[in-house]
Amino acid sequence: MAWEQIEQKLQKALTVKVAFPAGTIWLPEERLSIDDWLESVAQSDEELDELQIPRIRFLQNRWPIERLVELEWDEAFANRRVILAMDLGQRAYILFSDWKDYLVVAALEPKDEPTLYQAIVNKLLENRFFVRTVPSHTTNYRPDLIGEVVLHGEDRRPPPRSTPEFTRLAAVGQSSWKQFLSDVLVGWIPLWLAPPEIGFWHEEIPEPVTKDDDRATRSKYEPAA
């Protein structure tokens, strides 16, 4: 039977586990595209054949995927970025995309805990390798899960660019990913855990995707003067 126990296999790709009072967040140790994610668990020619379609479509055919936050720029080079949530069992997987390339950035459990969503979204938005400049518009599709979309224009500077391709999501390399992972762990530990609780976090080795939600709220971001 093709894709047997796929949910359990997909979980193994996210090996960094951080436990919070409200739940648990898992992160990949390195930059993880959905292509690499799915190919890592394919074990037969039949399964590989099923991956000939766009990988995001493969995921959509099996699990619900919805938009959480969408970012838009008036400048042509930036266009749009989106943060997505994929419902898979008791977990939700958080994806980041420019509508062409997709990265798996985190998983969280329980999947209905707003504080976990807010923490992940905040970390993505403040990291310049994901959001290089302040967007012209932001849309929060799930205000029940993400109460506030915060962007700090004065703290954000675009990183040096050696090639035009740097503007693409695919330019987020392994070294940048490790820096992002380091920033996440360093930022979350003091924020969420008192000193006696630090022992609870550890590493373990082991076009739009959805229809518009009527709960969406749209706002135009105006950088502070």
Protein backbone atom coordinates (compact mmCIF):
# COMPACT_ATOMS: atom_id res chain seq x y z
CA MET A 1 0.00 0.00 0.00
CA ALA A 2 1.49 3.35 -1.07
CA TRP A 3 2.33 5.99 1.54
CA GLU A 4 1.66 3.75 4.48
CA GLN A 5 2.16 5.60 7.79
CA ILE A 6 3.09 8.77 5.92
CA GLU A 7 2.00 11.03 8.78
CA GLN A 8 4.45 9.40 11.18
CA LYS A 9 7.23 9.50 8.59
CA LEU A 10 6.75 13.18 7.86
CA GLN A 11 7.02 13.96 11.58
CA LYS A 12 10.55 12.54 11.73
CA ALA A 13 11.96 15.25 9.46
CA LEU A 14 11.51 17.90 12.16
CA THR A 15 13.99 16.88 14.83
CA VAL A 16 14.41 19.95 17.03
CA LYS A 17 11.76 19.85 19.74
CA VAL A 18 10.92 22.80 21.98
CA ALA A 19 8.36 22.25 24.74
CA PHE A 20 6.34 25.21 26.03
CA PRO A 21 3.67 25.38 28.75
CA ALA A 22 1.03 25.71 26.02
CA GLY A 23 2.29 22.87 23.80
CA THR A 24 5.20 21.82 21.62
CA ILE A 25 6.92 23.20 18.52
CA TRP A 26 9.17 21.16 16.22
CA LEU A 27 11.72 22.65 13.80
CA PRO A 28 13.86 21.15 11.05
CA GLU A 29 17.61 21.32 11.68
CA GLU A 30 18.23 22.58 8.14
CA ARG A 31 16.34 24.34 5.39
CA LEU A 32 13.58 21.92 4.37
CA SER A 33 11.56 22.33 1.17
CA ILE A 34 8.38 20.35 0.67
CA ASP A 35 10.12 18.58 -2.24
CA ASP A 36 12.88 17.29 0.05
CA TRP A 37 10.35 16.57 2.77
CA LEU A 38 8.24 14.27 0.61
CA GLU A 39 11.14 12.66 -1.26
CA SER A 40 12.75 11.73 2.05
CA VAL A 41 9.81 9.45 2.93
CA ALA A 42 9.08 7.99 -0.53
CA GLN A 43 10.07 4.32 -0.47
CA SER A 44 8.85 2.85 -3.75
CA ASP A 45 8.63 3.64 -7.45
CA GLU A 46 4.88 3.93 -7.06
CA GLU A 47 5.26 6.62 -4.42
CA LEU A 48 7.86 8.49 -6.47
CA ASP A 49 5.51 8.39 -9.48
CA GLU A 50 2.80 10.07 -7.40
CA LEU A 51 5.20 12.94 -6.72
CA GLN A 52 5.32 13.93 -10.39
CA ILE A 53 2.57 16.47 -9.76
CA PRO A 54 3.39 19.75 -7.96
CA ARG A 55 4.29 18.80 -4.41
CA ILE A 56 1.96 21.35 -2.86
CA ARG A 57 -0.88 19.77 -4.85
CA PHE A 58 0.12 16.35 -3.50
CA LEU A 59 -0.24 17.72 0.05
CA GLN A 60 -3.50 19.50 -0.75
CA ASN A 61 -4.99 16.27 -2.05
CA ARG A 62 -4.50 14.69 1.37
CA TRP A 63 -4.75 17.35 4.05
CA PRO A 64 -6.41 20.75 4.50
CA ILE A 65 -4.11 23.71 3.89
CA GLU A 66 -5.12 27.27 4.69
CA ARG A 67 -3.57 30.70 4.64
CA LEU A 68 -2.63 32.32 7.92
CA VAL A 69 -0.91 35.54 6.85
CA GLU A 70 -0.27 37.00 3.41
CA LEU A 71 2.27 39.74 2.71
CA GLU A 72 2.23 41.95 -0.38
CA TRP A 73 4.69 44.49 -1.74
CA ASP A 74 4.02 47.21 -4.28
CA GLU A 75 7.52 46.65 -5.67
CA ALA A 76 7.50 44.09 -8.49
CA PHE A 77 10.55 42.18 -7.24
CA ALA A 78 8.97 41.23 -3.92
CA ASN A 79 5.37 40.53 -4.94
CA ARG A 80 3.79 38.20 -2.33
CA ARG A 81 4.72 35.84 0.48
CA VAL A 82 2.36 33.67 2.47
CA ILE A 83 2.42 31.70 5.72
CA LEU A 84 0.28 28.54 5.53
CA ALA A 85 -0.93 25.92 7.99
CA MET A 86 -1.42 22.27 7.02
CA ASP A 87 -3.70 20.24 9.28
CA LEU A 88 -2.24 16.77 9.79
CA GLY A 89 -3.56 14.69 12.66
CA GLN A 90 -2.95 16.35 16.01
CA ARG A 91 -0.31 18.64 14.48
CA ALA A 92 -0.31 21.64 12.22
CA TYR A 93 2.66 22.17 9.90
CA ILE A 94 3.64 25.74 9.09
CA LEU A 95 4.78 26.44 5.52
CA PHE A 96 6.31 29.60 4.08
CA SER A 97 6.02 30.34 0.39
CA ASP A 98 6.34 32.84 -2.45
CA TRP A 99 3.57 30.84 -4.22
CA LYS A 100 6.20 28.86 -6.12
CA ASP A 101 8.71 27.51 -3.61
CA TYR A 102 7.53 26.13 -0.29
CA LEU A 103 9.49 25.63 2.92
CA VAL A 104 8.46 23.59 5.96
CA VAL A 105 9.41 25.89 8.82
CA ALA A 106 7.76 24.31 11.87
CA ALA A 107 5.15 22.00 13.31
CA LEU A 108 3.06 22.64 16.39
CA GLU A 109 0.85 20.65 18.74
CA PRO A 110 -1.88 21.09 19.79
CA LYS A 111 -2.97 22.44 16.44
CA ASP A 112 -5.56 24.82 17.92
CA GLU A 113 -3.26 26.67 20.35
CA PRO A 114 -3.08 30.38 19.33
CA THR A 115 0.06 31.18 21.35
CA LEU A 116 2.09 28.67 19.34
CA TYR A 117 0.92 30.11 16.02
CA GLN A 118 1.65 33.63 17.22
CA ALA A 119 5.17 32.69 18.31
CA ILE A 120 6.06 31.10 14.96
CA VAL A 121 4.55 33.89 12.87
CA ASN A 122 6.32 36.54 14.94
CA LYS A 123 9.68 34.82 14.41
CA LEU A 124 9.14 34.55 10.66
CA LEU A 125 8.10 38.17 10.28
CA GLU A 126 11.06 39.55 12.23
CA ASN A 127 13.63 37.49 10.28
CA ARG A 128 14.95 39.36 7.25
CA PHE A 129 15.75 36.18 5.33
CA PHE A 130 12.03 35.47 5.15
CA VAL A 131 10.68 39.01 5.04
CA ARG A 132 13.40 41.22 3.57
CA THR A 133 11.55 44.54 3.72
CA VAL A 134 8.36 45.77 5.32
CA PRO A 135 5.41 44.79 3.10
CA SER A 136 2.99 47.35 1.76
CA HIS A 137 -0.01 45.28 2.83
CA THR A 138 -0.64 42.46 5.26
CA THR A 139 -3.69 40.21 5.51
CA ASN A 140 -4.42 38.17 8.62
CA TYR A 141 -6.70 35.30 7.61
CA ARG A 142 -6.90 33.76 11.07
CA PRO A 143 -7.17 36.48 13.71
CA ASP A 144 -8.53 33.82 16.07
CA LEU A 145 -5.11 32.10 15.95
CA ILE A 146 -2.87 35.09 15.24
CA GLY A 147 -4.14 38.01 17.20
CA GLU A 148 -1.60 40.52 15.90
CA VAL A 149 0.70 40.83 12.90
CA VAL A 150 3.71 42.86 14.00
CA LEU A 151 6.28 44.32 11.59
CA HIS A 152 9.09 46.64 12.69
CA GLY A 153 10.24 48.77 9.78
CA GLU A 154 13.03 50.61 11.55
CA ASP A 155 14.80 47.37 12.50
CA ARG A 156 14.70 45.80 9.06
CA ARG A 157 17.43 46.09 6.46
CA PRO A 158 17.74 43.94 3.33
CA PRO A 159 20.76 41.60 3.40
CA PRO A 160 23.53 42.06 0.82
CA ARG A 161 22.70 40.59 -2.58
CA SER A 162 25.34 39.02 -4.75
CA THR A 163 22.93 37.66 -7.37
CA PRO A 164 19.46 38.65 -8.61
CA GLU A 165 18.14 35.29 -7.44
CA PHE A 166 18.64 36.37 -3.83
CA THR A 167 15.19 37.94 -3.91
CA ARG A 168 13.68 34.48 -4.27
CA LEU A 169 12.78 32.29 -1.35
CA ALA A 170 15.09 29.60 -2.69
CA ALA A 171 18.06 31.84 -1.86
CA VAL A 172 17.61 31.11 1.84
CA GLY A 173 20.60 28.81 2.21
CA GLN A 174 21.63 26.36 4.88
CA SER A 175 23.79 28.85 6.79
CA SER A 176 20.91 31.33 6.87
CA TRP A 177 18.57 28.60 8.04
CA LYS A 178 20.88 27.69 10.91
CA GLN A 179 20.98 31.36 11.92
CA PHE A 180 17.19 31.45 11.85
CA LEU A 181 17.02 28.31 13.97
CA SER A 182 19.51 29.79 16.43
CA ASP A 183 17.50 33.02 16.64
CA VAL A 184 14.32 31.04 17.28
CA LEU A 185 15.78 29.00 20.13
CA VAL A 186 17.62 31.89 21.75
CA GLY A 187 14.55 34.10 21.48
CA TRP A 188 12.01 31.58 22.70
CA ILE A 189 13.78 30.07 25.68
CA PRO A 190 13.89 33.20 27.88
CA LEU A 191 10.50 34.35 26.59
CA TRP A 192 8.59 31.16 27.37
CA LEU A 193 10.54 29.28 30.03
CA ALA A 194 11.55 30.15 33.56
CA PRO A 195 15.01 28.79 34.55
CA PRO A 196 13.63 25.63 36.28
CA GLU A 197 11.73 24.78 33.08
CA ILE A 198 14.66 24.96 30.67
CA GLY A 199 15.13 21.21 30.97
CA PHE A 200 11.85 20.73 29.11
CA TRP A 201 13.37 21.78 25.79
CA HIS A 202 15.85 19.54 24.04
CA GLU A 203 16.95 18.27 20.66
CA GLU A 204 15.89 14.85 19.52
CA ILE A 205 17.87 12.96 16.89
CA PRO A 206 15.91 10.47 15.41
CA GLU A 207 -2.11 29.97 -7.15
CA PRO A 208 -3.71 30.51 -3.73
CA VAL A 209 -3.87 27.21 -1.93
CA THR A 210 -7.28 27.72 -0.36
CA LYS A 211 -10.40 29.77 -0.89
CA ASP A 212 -10.72 33.08 0.92
CA ASP A 213 -11.88 32.64 4.50
CA ASP A 214 -14.71 34.92 5.50
CA ARG A 215 -12.90 35.44 8.77
CA ALA A 216 -10.04 37.22 7.00
CA THR A 217 -9.20 40.73 8.00
CA ARG A 218 -7.19 42.97 5.71
CA SER A 219 -5.02 45.86 6.77
CA LYS A 220 -2.55 48.20 5.12
CA TYR A 221 0.69 48.48 7.05
CA GLU A 222 2.03 51.99 7.47
CA PRO A 223 5.68 52.10 8.62
CA ALA A 224 6.36 54.28 11.60
CA ALA A 225 7.72 57.70 10.80
